[in-house]
Amino acid sequence: MNLGMSVGVLGTGKYVPEKVLTNFDLEKMVDTSNDWIITRTGIRERRISSPEEASSDLAYHASVEALKNAGLTADDIDLIIVATITPDMAFPSTACVLQEKLGAKRAAAFDLSAACSGFIYSLANAVSMIAAGLYKHVLVVGAECLSKITDYTDRNTCILFGDGAGAVVLGQVPDGRGFRSFVLGADGSGGELLNLAGGGSRCPASPESIAEKKHYIYMAGKEVFKFAVRIMGSAALEALDKAGLTKDDVDLLVPHQANIRIIHSALEKLNLPEDKCMINLDKYGNASAASIPIALAEAAEEGRMQEGDCLVLVGFGGGLTWGASVLIW
């Protein structure tokens, strides 16, 4: 991958709401149990935004932290990309709302929708634009309020999802560092397996669409699980190959935090021990486009990577979509 210049991460940030929803709380809401959820997903609790909080609010807090860690201000940002499937509203974009909150008056702004793969897709866009000389500094945010579109009477989905935001500031880094490759993919034939049908031009909001629960997440769990197990490892290996590296070069895997069994399958394909993987889904559940940047920010906080380490970011999501990237820290 010849980018023309080395583009990497200058700063990371994350934010999760204060409210915690535990498996024991869910036991009182639906027919499930703490042991069942942990065994099948690895999730113990997740964060839930308040009625007053929207995705832009979570994105703001994560962005402020990322800017601080990058040693930059909002005036230094040329472009804001927000990956989300739970925008504040249909339009304007959540990125424009965030631009106003941050006071980033110089920045262009847009949202990107690729479900749980959205952060990787957004990184690829941002890195390409910086490498092409269009922008110097780009703020990329994954932000979700999935609790707002989760049916808490559906035991198959309500145990999985949580809210949060993660952010990175991207810019030029020394040669030998930064993003080495991207793999992006989609299979629209699987779109019906994971979706939110209501509220768009196909199925506008109506009393009928509300009664039929079309405004909540629908997921065919078994089919999505099989897809994820297949794609996570293969996408990571493809990204490594494009970067001219092998699985022996990987120092840290930062996967989408959907299910511990899916993560373990990826580790097996990469021949990696669990201590070379950033796992935090036990605390936050599946936060869609926010899960990888939250995990990356926590890994940075915990000192999980050193300069020169090889990181692999990989995720999958509705669309169906998938994405992977190799990053030299």
Protein backbone atom coordinates (compact mmCIF):
# COMPACT_ATOMS: atom_id res chain seq x y z
CA MET A 1 0.00 0.00 0.00
CA ASN A 2 1.76 3.13 -1.22
CA LEU A 3 0.19 6.10 0.53
CA GLY A 4 2.81 8.66 -0.47
CA MET A 5 3.37 9.58 3.17
CA SER A 6 3.08 7.82 6.51
CA VAL A 7 -0.28 8.50 8.17
CA GLY A 8 -0.99 7.33 11.68
CA VAL A 9 -2.69 7.98 15.01
CA LEU A 10 -1.67 11.15 16.84
CA GLY A 11 -4.11 10.77 19.75
CA THR A 12 -6.92 8.55 21.02
CA GLY A 13 -9.94 9.15 23.24
CA LYS A 14 -13.03 7.37 24.49
CA TYR A 15 -16.22 8.05 26.40
CA VAL A 16 -18.87 5.75 27.84
CA PRO A 17 -22.06 6.79 29.65
CA GLU A 18 -22.27 6.47 33.42
CA LYS A 19 -25.24 4.10 33.59
CA VAL A 20 -24.30 0.41 33.75
CA LEU A 21 -26.75 -2.32 32.68
CA THR A 22 -25.60 -5.67 34.06
CA ASN A 23 -26.62 -9.18 33.13
CA PHE A 24 -28.39 -9.38 36.49
CA ASP A 25 -30.45 -6.34 35.52
CA LEU A 26 -31.40 -8.09 32.28
CA GLU A 27 -32.45 -11.20 34.21
CA LYS A 28 -35.29 -9.08 35.62
CA MET A 29 -36.32 -7.84 32.15
CA VAL A 30 -36.23 -10.93 29.90
CA ASP A 31 -35.93 -14.71 30.16
CA THR A 32 -32.15 -15.01 30.41
CA SER A 33 -29.40 -15.51 32.99
CA ASN A 34 -25.99 -14.09 33.80
CA ASP A 35 -24.31 -17.46 33.19
CA TRP A 36 -26.06 -17.94 29.83
CA ILE A 37 -25.01 -14.51 28.57
CA ILE A 38 -21.39 -14.85 29.73
CA THR A 39 -21.02 -18.35 28.24
CA ARG A 40 -22.39 -17.41 24.84
CA THR A 41 -21.13 -13.84 24.48
CA GLY A 42 -18.53 -12.99 27.14
CA ILE A 43 -20.51 -9.86 28.06
CA ARG A 44 -21.08 -9.01 31.73
CA GLU A 45 -22.37 -5.44 31.47
CA ARG A 46 -22.84 -2.59 29.04
CA ARG A 47 -23.19 1.21 29.23
CA ILE A 48 -26.51 2.96 28.55
CA SER A 49 -26.86 6.62 27.57
CA SER A 50 -29.28 8.84 29.45
CA PRO A 51 -32.50 10.08 27.77
CA GLU A 52 -30.75 13.44 27.25
CA GLU A 53 -27.63 11.97 25.63
CA ALA A 54 -27.30 11.50 21.87
CA SER A 55 -24.45 10.11 19.79
CA SER A 56 -22.96 13.57 19.24
CA ASP A 57 -22.68 14.07 23.00
CA LEU A 58 -20.71 10.86 23.43
CA ALA A 59 -18.62 11.75 20.37
CA TYR A 60 -17.83 15.17 21.82
CA HIS A 61 -16.31 13.79 25.04
CA ALA A 62 -14.25 11.18 23.18
CA SER A 63 -13.06 13.82 20.69
CA VAL A 64 -11.97 16.26 23.40
CA GLU A 65 -9.82 13.51 24.94
CA ALA A 66 -8.35 12.52 21.57
CA LEU A 67 -7.44 16.14 20.76
CA LYS A 68 -5.83 16.57 24.17
CA ASN A 69 -3.77 13.39 23.74
CA ALA A 70 -2.72 14.54 20.27
CA GLY A 71 -1.63 17.93 21.61
CA LEU A 72 -3.94 19.68 19.15
CA THR A 73 -7.00 21.93 19.30
CA ALA A 74 -10.27 21.92 17.37
CA ASP A 75 -8.82 24.67 15.14
CA ASP A 76 -6.23 22.18 13.89
CA ILE A 77 -8.85 19.77 12.52
CA ASP A 78 -9.52 19.90 8.77
CA LEU A 79 -12.13 17.12 8.53
CA ILE A 80 -14.46 15.24 10.88
CA ILE A 81 -15.81 11.79 10.01
CA VAL A 82 -18.32 10.16 12.35
CA ALA A 83 -19.08 6.47 11.88
CA THR A 84 -22.52 5.73 13.29
CA ILE A 85 -25.79 3.91 12.72
CA THR A 86 -27.47 5.93 15.47
CA PRO A 87 -27.08 9.52 14.27
CA ASP A 88 -28.69 12.30 16.29
CA MET A 89 -31.12 12.71 13.38
CA ALA A 90 -31.41 11.87 9.69
CA PHE A 91 -29.78 15.21 8.86
CA PRO A 92 -27.78 17.27 9.47
CA SER A 93 -25.01 14.75 10.01
CA THR A 94 -23.81 13.95 13.51
CA ALA A 95 -20.37 15.10 12.29
CA CYS A 96 -21.79 18.58 11.65
CA VAL A 97 -23.39 18.62 15.10
CA LEU A 98 -20.04 17.56 16.57
CA GLN A 99 -18.20 20.23 14.58
CA GLU A 100 -20.38 22.88 16.23
CA LYS A 101 -19.93 21.37 19.72
CA LEU A 102 -16.14 21.34 19.30
CA GLY A 103 -15.92 24.74 17.62
CA ALA A 104 -13.95 23.17 14.77
CA LYS A 105 -14.90 25.94 12.38
CA ARG A 106 -12.31 25.00 9.71
CA ALA A 107 -13.41 21.38 9.44
CA ALA A 108 -15.48 19.74 6.74
CA ALA A 109 -17.76 17.08 8.20
CA PHE A 110 -19.73 14.00 7.20
CA ASP A 111 -21.12 10.75 8.60
CA LEU A 112 -20.32 7.27 7.34
CA SER A 113 -22.70 4.32 7.67
CA ALA A 114 -21.17 0.84 7.56
CA ALA A 115 -22.56 -0.46 10.86
CA CYS A 116 -19.93 -2.14 13.07
CA SER A 117 -17.34 -1.86 10.27
CA GLY A 118 -17.86 1.90 10.09
CA PHE A 119 -14.75 2.91 12.01
CA ILE A 120 -12.42 0.92 9.72
CA TYR A 121 -14.19 2.33 6.65
CA SER A 122 -13.80 5.84 8.09
CA LEU A 123 -10.10 5.32 8.81
CA ALA A 124 -9.54 4.24 5.21
CA ASN A 125 -11.24 7.41 3.95
CA ALA A 126 -9.31 9.66 6.33
CA VAL A 127 -5.91 8.10 5.67
CA SER A 128 -6.42 8.31 1.90
CA MET A 129 -7.39 11.98 2.11
CA ILE A 130 -4.38 12.90 4.25
CA ALA A 131 -2.02 10.91 2.01
CA ALA A 132 -3.47 12.67 -1.04
CA GLY A 133 -2.67 16.05 0.51
CA LEU A 134 -6.31 17.12 0.88
CA TYR A 135 -6.12 17.50 4.67
CA LYS A 136 -3.48 17.58 7.40
CA HIS A 137 -5.43 16.47 10.47
CA VAL A 138 -8.61 14.38 10.46
CA LEU A 139 -10.77 13.50 13.47
CA VAL A 140 -12.37 10.07 13.10
CA VAL A 141 -15.05 9.07 15.61
CA GLY A 142 -17.15 5.97 16.14
CA ALA A 143 -20.20 6.89 18.23
CA GLU A 144 -23.32 4.90 19.03
CA CYS A 145 -26.42 5.04 21.18
CA LEU A 146 -27.61 1.53 20.39
CA SER A 147 -29.81 1.46 23.48
CA LYS A 148 -32.13 3.87 21.63
CA ILE A 149 -32.81 1.24 18.92
CA THR A 150 -32.72 -1.92 21.07
CA ASP A 151 -35.89 -3.85 21.93
CA TYR A 152 -35.56 -4.69 25.61
CA THR A 153 -38.23 -7.37 25.31
CA ASP A 154 -36.14 -9.30 22.74
CA ARG A 155 -33.76 -11.50 24.71
CA ASN A 156 -31.74 -12.37 21.60
CA THR A 157 -30.57 -8.80 20.96
CA CYS A 158 -30.99 -6.79 24.17
CA ILE A 159 -28.18 -8.70 25.89
CA LEU A 160 -25.65 -7.65 23.26
CA PHE A 161 -25.63 -3.91 22.70
CA GLY A 162 -24.29 -0.89 24.56
CA ASP A 163 -23.46 2.78 24.03
CA GLY A 164 -20.19 4.67 23.77
CA ALA A 165 -17.78 6.58 21.58
CA GLY A 166 -14.12 6.35 20.60
CA ALA A 167 -12.07 8.87 18.64
CA VAL A 168 -8.70 9.20 16.96
CA VAL A 169 -6.85 12.14 15.48
CA LEU A 170 -4.94 11.17 12.35
CA GLY A 171 -2.00 12.95 10.75
CA GLN A 172 1.48 12.46 9.34
CA VAL A 173 3.82 10.26 11.39
CA PRO A 174 7.49 9.28 10.94
CA ASP A 175 8.38 6.92 8.10
CA GLY A 176 7.91 3.30 9.07
CA ARG A 177 4.96 4.11 11.30
CA GLY A 178 1.26 4.44 10.57
CA PHE A 179 -1.29 2.53 8.52
CA ARG A 180 0.16 -0.07 6.16
CA SER A 181 -2.96 -1.59 4.59
CA PHE A 182 -6.74 -1.64 4.47
CA VAL A 183 -9.18 -4.36 3.46
CA LEU A 184 -12.81 -3.33 3.00
CA GLY A 185 -15.62 -5.60 1.87
CA ALA A 186 -19.36 -5.93 1.57
CA ASP A 187 -21.98 -8.54 0.75
CA GLY A 188 -25.33 -6.84 0.26
CA SER A 189 -27.06 -10.20 -0.21
CA GLY A 190 -26.83 -10.58 3.58
CA GLY A 191 -28.49 -7.25 4.29
CA GLU A 192 -31.63 -8.85 5.66
CA LEU A 193 -29.66 -10.67 8.36
CA LEU A 194 -28.90 -7.54 10.39
CA ASN A 195 -30.87 -4.35 9.94
CA LEU A 196 -33.18 -1.66 11.20
CA ALA A 197 -36.02 -1.55 8.66
CA GLY A 198 -38.08 1.40 9.85
CA GLY A 199 -37.58 5.12 9.41
CA GLY A 200 -36.05 5.26 5.93
CA SER A 201 -37.61 5.82 2.52
CA ARG A 202 -38.45 2.11 2.15
CA CYS A 203 -40.43 2.00 5.36
CA PRO A 204 -41.22 5.52 6.66
CA ALA A 205 -42.25 5.90 10.27
CA SER A 206 -45.94 5.14 10.78
CA PRO A 207 -48.21 3.72 13.48
CA GLU A 208 -47.88 0.38 11.67
CA SER A 209 -44.09 0.42 11.52
CA ILE A 210 -43.95 1.25 15.23
CA ALA A 211 -46.43 -1.49 16.13
CA GLU A 212 -44.39 -3.99 14.09
CA LYS A 213 -41.19 -2.93 15.93
CA LYS A 214 -39.50 -1.95 12.67
CA HIS A 215 -37.51 0.74 14.48
CA TYR A 216 -35.49 -1.73 16.53
CA ILE A 217 -32.41 -3.76 15.60
CA TYR A 218 -33.21 -7.08 13.93
CA MET A 219 -30.51 -9.75 13.82
CA ALA A 220 -30.51 -13.35 12.59
CA GLY A 221 -27.99 -14.34 15.23
CA LYS A 222 -26.83 -17.76 14.00
CA GLU A 223 -26.27 -16.62 10.41
CA VAL A 224 -24.40 -13.47 11.47
CA PHE A 225 -22.27 -15.53 13.86
CA LYS A 226 -21.24 -17.94 11.07
CA PHE A 227 -20.40 -15.02 8.77
CA ALA A 228 -18.35 -13.29 11.49
CA VAL A 229 -16.34 -16.39 12.38
CA ARG A 230 -15.44 -16.81 8.71
CA ILE A 231 -14.64 -13.19 7.86
CA MET A 232 -12.76 -11.89 10.93
CA GLY A 233 -9.72 -14.14 10.55
CA SER A 234 -9.62 -14.06 6.75
CA ALA A 235 -9.87 -10.24 6.58
CA ALA A 236 -7.08 -9.86 9.17
CA LEU A 237 -4.84 -12.26 7.22
CA GLU A 238 -5.58 -10.43 3.95
CA ALA A 239 -4.67 -7.07 5.53
CA LEU A 240 -1.39 -8.53 6.81
CA ASP A 241 -0.58 -9.95 3.38
CA LYS A 242 -1.27 -6.58 1.72
CA ALA A 243 1.10 -4.97 4.24
CA GLY A 244 3.83 -7.49 3.44
CA LEU A 245 3.59 -8.99 6.92
CA THR A 246 2.53 -12.31 8.46
CA LYS A 247 0.61 -13.37 11.53
CA ASP A 248 3.95 -13.85 13.30
CA ASP A 249 4.44 -10.06 13.12
CA VAL A 250 1.27 -9.20 15.06
CA ASP A 251 1.81 -7.65 18.48
CA LEU A 252 -1.81 -6.74 19.26
CA LEU A 253 -5.17 -7.60 17.72
CA VAL A 254 -7.89 -4.97 18.24
CA PRO A 255 -11.12 -6.63 17.07
CA HIS A 256 -14.73 -5.55 16.95
CA GLN A 257 -16.15 -6.44 20.36
CA ALA A 258 -19.23 -8.47 19.41
CA ASN A 259 -18.82 -11.92 20.92
CA ILE A 260 -15.97 -13.62 22.76
CA ARG A 261 -16.37 -16.78 20.68
CA ILE A 262 -15.93 -14.79 17.46
CA ILE A 263 -12.81 -13.13 18.88
CA HIS A 264 -11.40 -16.50 19.92
CA SER A 265 -11.96 -17.84 16.39
CA ALA A 266 -9.95 -14.93 14.99
CA LEU A 267 -7.16 -15.55 17.49
CA GLU A 268 -7.08 -19.19 16.44
CA LYS A 269 -6.72 -18.30 12.74
CA LEU A 270 -3.92 -15.88 13.58
CA ASN A 271 -2.23 -18.29 16.03
CA LEU A 272 -2.30 -15.55 18.66
CA PRO A 273 -2.59 -15.99 22.44
CA GLU A 274 -5.34 -14.04 24.20
CA ASP A 275 -2.80 -11.74 25.85
CA LYS A 276 -2.06 -10.33 22.37
CA CYS A 277 -5.68 -9.27 21.97
CA MET A 278 -7.50 -6.22 23.34
CA ILE A 279 -10.76 -7.49 24.85
CA ASN A 280 -13.20 -5.25 26.72
CA LEU A 281 -16.61 -6.50 25.60
CA ASP A 282 -17.19 -7.82 29.11
CA LYS A 283 -17.54 -4.17 30.22
CA TYR A 284 -19.18 -2.54 27.21
CA GLY A 285 -20.88 -5.20 25.09
CA ASN A 286 -21.21 -4.56 21.36
CA ALA A 287 -20.97 -0.81 20.73
CA SER A 288 -21.01 -1.16 16.92
CA ALA A 289 -18.81 1.47 15.21
CA ALA A 290 -17.58 2.64 18.62
CA SER A 291 -16.20 -0.70 19.78
CA ILE A 292 -12.84 -0.70 17.96
CA PRO A 293 -11.91 2.93 18.78
CA ILE A 294 -12.92 2.44 22.42
CA ALA A 295 -10.73 -0.68 22.57
CA LEU A 296 -7.86 1.14 20.85
CA ALA A 297 -8.10 4.05 23.31
CA GLU A 298 -8.14 1.69 26.29
CA ALA A 299 -5.16 -0.22 24.91
CA ALA A 300 -3.26 3.07 24.65
CA GLU A 301 -4.28 4.03 28.21
CA GLU A 302 -3.09 0.68 29.52
CA GLY A 303 0.23 0.81 27.64
CA ARG A 304 -0.61 -2.30 25.66
CA MET A 305 1.46 -1.20 22.65
CA GLN A 306 4.92 0.24 22.23
CA GLU A 307 6.29 2.32 19.38
CA GLY A 308 6.86 0.09 16.37
CA ASP A 309 4.32 -2.56 17.42
CA CYS A 310 2.18 -4.12 14.71
CA LEU A 311 -1.55 -3.76 15.38
CA VAL A 312 -4.35 -5.38 13.41
CA LEU A 313 -7.79 -3.74 13.59
CA VAL A 314 -10.64 -5.89 12.28
CA GLY A 315 -14.43 -5.77 12.35
CA PHE A 316 -17.64 -6.87 10.68
CA GLY A 317 -21.18 -5.55 10.66
CA GLY A 318 -24.54 -5.08 9.02
CA GLY A 319 -24.57 -4.66 5.28
CA LEU A 320 -23.05 -7.14 5.49
CA THR A 321 -19.69 -5.36 5.72
CA TRP A 322 -16.20 -6.05 6.97
CA GLY A 323 -12.93 -4.22 7.32
CA ALA A 324 -9.37 -4.75 8.52
CA SER A 325 -6.26 -2.63 8.78
CA VAL A 326 -2.62 -3.00 9.76
CA LEU A 327 -1.22 -0.16 11.86
CA ILE A 328 2.39 0.25 12.95
CA TRP A 329 2.16 2.18 16.23
